[in-house]
């Protein structure tokens, strides 16, 4: 059973890493084009944020 949990944890880590890479690519591409992205807030509202500003809030790229 422990092996399954480790497999699930590894899968989760890989999926999250892939999502972070995809999000970074989207934000970088949008920033290059001077576009904004729509960001959802915890209260259910949303707002447009310039991608250049959003890029500043992302964690640094992994090597």
PDB file of N, CA and C in Angstrom:
ATOM      1  N   UNK A   1       0.821  -1.194   0.000  1.00  0.00           N
ATOM      2  CA  UNK A   1       0.000   0.000   0.000  1.00  0.00           C
ATOM      3  C   UNK A   1       0.862   1.254   0.000  1.00  0.00           C
ATOM      4  N   UNK A   2       1.961   1.230   0.690  1.00  0.00           N
ATOM      5  CA  UNK A   2       2.841   2.389   0.752  1.00  0.00           C
ATOM      6  C   UNK A   2       3.393   2.727  -0.637  1.00  0.00           C
ATOM      7  N   UNK A   3       3.646   1.716  -1.446  1.00  0.00           N
ATOM      8  CA  UNK A   3       4.142   1.935  -2.798  1.00  0.00           C
ATOM      9  C   UNK A   3       3.136   2.739  -3.618  1.00  0.00           C
ATOM     10  N   UNK A   4       1.840   2.423  -3.488  1.00  0.00           N
ATOM     11  CA  UNK A   4       0.810   3.172  -4.203  1.00  0.00           C
ATOM     12  C   UNK A   4       0.816   4.633  -3.801  1.00  0.00           C
ATOM     13  N   UNK A   5       0.937   4.909  -2.510  1.00  0.00           N
ATOM     14  CA  UNK A   5       0.974   6.290  -2.047  1.00  0.00           C
ATOM     15  C   UNK A   5       2.180   7.019  -2.617  1.00  0.00           C
ATOM     16  N   UNK A   6       3.306   6.350  -2.673  1.00  0.00           N
ATOM     17  CA  UNK A   6       4.499   6.986  -3.230  1.00  0.00           C
ATOM     18  C   UNK A   6       4.297   7.246  -4.719  1.00  0.00           C
ATOM     19  N   UNK A   7       3.667   6.303  -5.426  1.00  0.00           N
ATOM     20  CA  UNK A   7       3.395   6.497  -6.836  1.00  0.00           C
ATOM     21  C   UNK A   7       2.450   7.669  -7.056  1.00  0.00           C
ATOM     22  N   UNK A   8       1.424   7.765  -6.229  1.00  0.00           N
ATOM     23  CA  UNK A   8       0.472   8.862  -6.336  1.00  0.00           C
ATOM     24  C   UNK A   8       1.168  10.187  -6.035  1.00  0.00           C
ATOM     25  N   UNK A   9       2.024  10.202  -5.024  1.00  0.00           N
ATOM     26  CA  UNK A   9       2.750  11.423  -4.696  1.00  0.00           C
ATOM     27  C   UNK A   9       3.685  11.840  -5.822  1.00  0.00           C
ATOM     28  N   UNK A  10       4.338  10.866  -6.438  1.00  0.00           N
ATOM     29  CA  UNK A  10       5.216  11.175  -7.566  1.00  0.00           C
ATOM     30  C   UNK A  10       4.408  11.718  -8.739  1.00  0.00           C
ATOM     31  N   UNK A  11       3.264  11.106  -9.011  1.00  0.00           N
ATOM     32  CA  UNK A  11       2.403  11.560 -10.096  1.00  0.00           C
ATOM     33  C   UNK A  11       1.914  12.980  -9.828  1.00  0.00           C
ATOM     34  N   UNK A  12       1.505  13.226  -8.601  1.00  0.00           N
ATOM     35  CA  UNK A  12       1.032  14.557  -8.224  1.00  0.00           C
ATOM     36  C   UNK A  12       2.129  15.595  -8.441  1.00  0.00           C
ATOM     37  N   UNK A  13       3.335  15.284  -8.029  1.00  0.00           N
ATOM     38  CA  UNK A  13       4.455  16.208  -8.191  1.00  0.00           C
ATOM     39  C   UNK A  13       4.726  16.490  -9.672  1.00  0.00           C
ATOM     40  N   UNK A  14       4.658  15.453 -10.493  1.00  0.00           N
ATOM     41  CA  UNK A  14       4.896  15.630 -11.929  1.00  0.00           C
ATOM     42  C   UNK A  14       3.802  16.476 -12.577  1.00  0.00           C
ATOM     43  N   UNK A  15       2.549  16.230 -12.186  1.00  0.00           N
ATOM     44  CA  UNK A  15       1.435  16.994 -12.746  1.00  0.00           C
ATOM     45  C   UNK A  15       1.553  18.466 -12.355  1.00  0.00           C
ATOM     46  N   UNK A  16       1.834  18.720 -11.086  1.00  0.00           N
ATOM     47  CA  UNK A  16       1.974  20.102 -10.624  1.00  0.00           C
ATOM     48  C   UNK A  16       3.138  20.809 -11.312  1.00  0.00           C
ATOM     49  N   UNK A  17       4.241  20.105 -11.501  1.00  0.00           N
ATOM     50  CA  UNK A  17       5.391  20.690 -12.193  1.00  0.00           C
ATOM     51  C   UNK A  17       5.005  21.050 -13.634  1.00  0.00           C
ATOM     52  N   UNK A  18       4.300  20.139 -14.305  1.00  0.00           N
ATOM     53  CA  UNK A  18       3.859  20.400 -15.670  1.00  0.00           C
ATOM     54  C   UNK A  18       2.904  21.576 -15.757  1.00  0.00           C
ATOM     55  N   UNK A  19       2.001  21.675 -14.796  1.00  0.00           N
ATOM     56  CA  UNK A  19       1.063  22.805 -14.771  1.00  0.00           C
ATOM     57  C   UNK A  19       1.797  24.119 -14.561  1.00  0.00           C
ATOM     58  N   UNK A  20       2.767  24.125 -13.667  1.00  0.00           N
ATOM     59  CA  UNK A  20       3.541  25.346 -13.426  1.00  0.00           C
ATOM     60  C   UNK A  20       4.318  25.771 -14.666  1.00  0.00           C
ATOM     61  N   UNK A  21       4.867  24.811 -15.396  1.00  0.00           N
ATOM     62  CA  UNK A  21       5.590  25.117 -16.632  1.00  0.00           C
ATOM     63  C   UNK A  21       4.623  25.708 -17.659  1.00  0.00           C
ATOM     64  N   UNK A  22       3.449  25.107 -17.798  1.00  0.00           N
ATOM     65  CA  UNK A  22       2.456  25.583 -18.762  1.00  0.00           C
ATOM     66  C   UNK A  22       1.966  26.986 -18.410  1.00  0.00           C
ATOM     67  N   UNK A  23       1.717  27.233 -17.135  1.00  0.00           N
ATOM     68  CA  UNK A  23       1.262  28.555 -16.697  1.00  0.00           C
ATOM     69  C   UNK A  23       2.335  29.596 -16.990  1.00  0.00           C
ATOM     70  N   UNK A  24       3.588  29.279 -16.686  1.00  0.00           N
ATOM     71  CA  UNK A  24       4.682  30.216 -16.941  1.00  0.00           C
ATOM     72  C   UNK A  24       4.770  30.542 -18.433  1.00  0.00           C
ATOM     73  N   UNK A  25       4.662  29.516 -19.293  1.00  0.00           N
ATOM     74  CA  UNK A  25       4.726  29.741 -20.740  1.00  0.00           C
ATOM     75  C   UNK A  25       3.589  30.653 -21.195  1.00  0.00           C
ATOM     76  N   UNK A  26       2.388  30.417 -20.672  1.00  0.00           N
ATOM     77  CA  UNK A  26       1.240  31.241 -21.024  1.00  0.00           C
ATOM     78  C   UNK A  26       1.464  32.694 -20.610  1.00  0.00           C
ATOM     79  N   UNK A  27       1.917  32.901 -19.393  1.00  0.00           N
ATOM     80  CA  UNK A  27       2.127  34.257 -18.889  1.00  0.00           C
ATOM     81  C   UNK A  27       3.256  34.948 -19.657  1.00  0.00           C
ATOM     82  N   UNK A  28       4.360  34.235 -19.907  1.00  0.00           N
ATOM     83  CA  UNK A  28       5.476  34.830 -20.650  1.00  0.00           C
ATOM     84  C   UNK A  28       5.050  35.207 -22.061  1.00  0.00           C
ATOM     85  N   UNK A  29       4.315  34.321 -22.719  1.00  0.00           N
ATOM     86  CA  UNK A  29       3.849  34.591 -24.082  1.00  0.00           C
ATOM     87  C   UNK A  29       2.913  35.801 -24.096  1.00  0.00           C
ATOM     88  N   UNK A  30       2.013  35.863 -23.139  1.00  0.00           N
ATOM     89  CA  UNK A  30       1.077  36.986 -23.055  1.00  0.00           C
ATOM     90  C   UNK A  30       1.807  38.282 -22.735  1.00  0.00           C
ATOM     91  N   UNK A  31       2.812  38.217 -21.880  1.00  0.00           N
ATOM     92  CA  UNK A  31       3.582  39.411 -21.519  1.00  0.00           C
ATOM     93  C   UNK A  31       4.328  39.953 -22.735  1.00  0.00           C
ATOM     94  N   UNK A  32       4.886  39.065 -23.545  1.00  0.00           N
ATOM     95  CA  UNK A  32       5.598  39.493 -24.752  1.00  0.00           C
ATOM     96  C   UNK A  32       4.676  40.234 -25.716  1.00  0.00           C
ATOM     97  N   UNK A  33       3.409  39.853 -25.718  1.00  0.00           N
ATOM     98  CA  UNK A  33       2.436  40.454 -26.625  1.00  0.00           C
ATOM     99  C   UNK A  33       1.709  41.646 -26.002  1.00  0.00           C
ATOM    100  N   UNK A  34       2.056  41.960 -24.743  1.00  0.00           N
ATOM    101  CA  UNK A  34       1.425  43.085 -24.059  1.00  0.00           C
ATOM    102  C   UNK A  34      -0.030  42.833 -23.685  1.00  0.00           C
ATOM    103  N   UNK A  35      -0.396  41.603 -23.455  1.00  0.00           N
ATOM    104  CA  UNK A  35      -1.776  41.252 -23.136  1.00  0.00           C
ATOM    105  C   UNK A  35      -2.000  41.130 -21.636  1.00  0.00           C
ATOM    106  N   UNK A  36      -3.268  41.042 -21.280  1.00  0.00           N
ATOM    107  CA  UNK A  36      -3.674  40.812 -19.898  1.00  0.00           C
ATOM    108  C   UNK A  36      -4.294  39.430 -19.794  1.00  0.00           C
ATOM    109  N   UNK A  37      -4.301  38.892 -18.584  1.00  0.00           N
ATOM    110  CA  UNK A  37      -4.942  37.610 -18.305  1.00  0.00           C
ATOM    111  C   UNK A  37      -6.011  37.825 -17.239  1.00  0.00           C
ATOM    112  N   UNK A  38      -7.042  37.015 -17.293  1.00  0.00           N
ATOM    113  CA  UNK A  38      -8.123  37.098 -16.319  1.00  0.00           C
ATOM    114  C   UNK A  38      -7.771  36.202 -15.134  1.00  0.00           C
ATOM    115  N   UNK A  39      -7.824  36.783 -13.941  1.00  0.00           N
ATOM    116  CA  UNK A  39      -7.451  36.084 -12.718  1.00  0.00           C
ATOM    117  C   UNK A  39      -8.674  35.993 -11.812  1.00  0.00           C
ATOM    118  N   UNK A  40      -8.957  34.791 -11.312  1.00  0.00           N
ATOM    119  CA  UNK A  40     -10.062  34.602 -10.386  1.00  0.00           C
ATOM    120  C   UNK A  40      -9.628  34.902  -8.965  1.00  0.00           C
ATOM    121  N   UNK A  41     -10.515  35.505  -8.213  1.00  0.00           N
ATOM    122  CA  UNK A  41     -10.264  35.822  -6.809  1.00  0.00           C
ATOM    123  C   UNK A  41     -10.960  34.798  -5.922  1.00  0.00           C
ATOM    124  N   UNK A  42     -10.548  34.711  -4.686  1.00  0.00           N
ATOM    125  CA  UNK A  42     -11.121  33.750  -3.739  1.00  0.00           C
ATOM    126  C   UNK A  42     -12.612  33.994  -3.543  1.00  0.00           C
ATOM    127  N   UNK A  43     -13.043  35.255  -3.579  1.00  0.00           N
ATOM    128  CA  UNK A  43     -14.452  35.573  -3.347  1.00  0.00           C
ATOM    129  C   UNK A  43     -15.341  35.311  -4.561  1.00  0.00           C
ATOM    130  N   UNK A  44     -14.760  34.767  -5.635  1.00  0.00           N
ATOM    131  CA  UNK A  44     -15.540  34.438  -6.824  1.00  0.00           C
ATOM    132  C   UNK A  44     -15.509  35.515  -7.891  1.00  0.00           C
ATOM    133  N   UNK A  45     -14.971  36.664  -7.571  1.00  0.00           N
ATOM    134  CA  UNK A  45     -14.864  37.728  -8.567  1.00  0.00           C
ATOM    135  C   UNK A  45     -13.655  37.461  -9.452  1.00  0.00           C
ATOM    136  N   UNK A  46     -13.481  38.289 -10.454  1.00  0.00           N
ATOM    137  CA  UNK A  46     -12.337  38.144 -11.340  1.00  0.00           C
ATOM    138  C   UNK A  46     -11.889  39.514 -11.806  1.00  0.00           C
ATOM    139  N   UNK A  47     -10.656  39.573 -12.295  1.00  0.00           N
ATOM    140  CA  UNK A  47     -10.128  40.844 -12.801  1.00  0.00           C
ATOM    141  C   UNK A  47      -9.081  40.564 -13.869  1.00  0.00           C
ATOM    142  N   UNK A  48      -8.884  41.549 -14.727  1.00  0.00           N
ATOM    143  CA  UNK A  48      -7.847  41.467 -15.749  1.00  0.00           C
ATOM    144  C   UNK A  48      -6.556  42.016 -15.160  1.00  0.00           C
ATOM    145  N   UNK A  49      -5.474  41.281 -15.339  1.00  0.00           N
ATOM    146  CA  UNK A  49      -4.165  41.692 -14.825  1.00  0.00           C
ATOM    147  C   UNK A  49      -3.181  41.666 -15.995  1.00  0.00           C
ATOM    148  N   UNK A  50      -2.420  42.751 -16.188  1.00  0.00           N
ATOM    149  CA  UNK A  50      -1.410  42.713 -17.240  1.00  0.00           C
ATOM    150  C   UNK A  50      -0.449  41.547 -17.003  1.00  0.00           C
ATOM    151  N   UNK A  51      -0.161  40.796 -18.049  1.00  0.00           N
ATOM    152  CA  UNK A  51       0.697  39.619 -17.913  1.00  0.00           C
ATOM    153  C   UNK A  51       2.077  39.997 -17.389  1.00  0.00           C
ATOM    154  N   UNK A  52       2.564  41.182 -17.743  1.00  0.00           N
ATOM    155  CA  UNK A  52       3.881  41.613 -17.251  1.00  0.00           C
ATOM    156  C   UNK A  52       3.881  41.724 -15.729  1.00  0.00           C
ATOM    157  N   UNK A  53       2.774  42.213 -15.160  1.00  0.00           N
ATOM    158  CA  UNK A  53       2.672  42.311 -13.706  1.00  0.00           C
ATOM    159  C   UNK A  53       2.545  40.924 -13.079  1.00  0.00           C
ATOM    160  N   UNK A  54       1.778  40.075 -13.721  1.00  0.00           N
ATOM    161  CA  UNK A  54       1.585  38.718 -13.210  1.00  0.00           C
ATOM    162  C   UNK A  54       2.893  37.936 -13.235  1.00  0.00           C
ATOM    163  N   UNK A  55       3.700  38.153 -14.256  1.00  0.00           N
ATOM    164  CA  UNK A  55       4.980  37.460 -14.383  1.00  0.00           C
ATOM    165  C   UNK A  55       5.886  37.747 -13.187  1.00  0.00           C
ATOM    166  N   UNK A  56       5.791  38.936 -12.649  1.00  0.00           N
ATOM    167  CA  UNK A  56       6.609  39.306 -11.486  1.00  0.00           C
ATOM    168  C   UNK A  56       6.235  38.520 -10.234  1.00  0.00           C
ATOM    169  N   UNK A  57       5.009  37.988 -10.191  1.00  0.00           N
ATOM    170  CA  UNK A  57       4.551  37.276  -8.994  1.00  0.00           C
ATOM    171  C   UNK A  57       4.821  35.776  -9.050  1.00  0.00           C
ATOM    172  N   UNK A  58       5.231  35.267 -10.224  1.00  0.00           N
ATOM    173  CA  UNK A  58       5.486  33.830 -10.356  1.00  0.00           C
ATOM    174  C   UNK A  58       6.824  33.461  -9.727  1.00  0.00           C
ATOM    175  N   UNK A  59       6.923  32.234  -9.231  1.00  0.00           N
ATOM    176  CA  UNK A  59       8.231  31.801  -8.698  1.00  0.00           C
ATOM    177  C   UNK A  59       9.254  31.707  -9.826  1.00  0.00           C
ATOM    178  N   UNK A  60      10.534  31.800  -9.504  1.00  0.00           N
ATOM    179  CA  UNK A  60      11.565  31.734 -10.537  1.00  0.00           C
ATOM    180  C   UNK A  60      11.538  30.399 -11.281  1.00  0.00           C
ATOM    181  N   UNK A  61      12.033  30.436 -12.519  1.00  0.00           N
ATOM    182  CA  UNK A  61      12.100  29.217 -13.330  1.00  0.00           C
ATOM    183  C   UNK A  61      13.026  28.212 -12.662  1.00  0.00           C
ATOM    184  N   UNK A  62      12.665  26.934 -12.811  1.00  0.00           N
ATOM    185  CA  UNK A  62      13.553  25.880 -12.321  1.00  0.00           C
ATOM    186  C   UNK A  62      14.638  25.644 -13.355  1.00  0.00           C
ATOM    187  N   UNK A  63      15.801  25.279 -12.897  1.00  0.00           N
ATOM    188  CA  UNK A  63      16.911  25.046 -13.813  1.00  0.00           C
ATOM    189  C   UNK A  63      16.770  23.786 -14.610  1.00  0.00           C
TER     190      UNK A  63
END
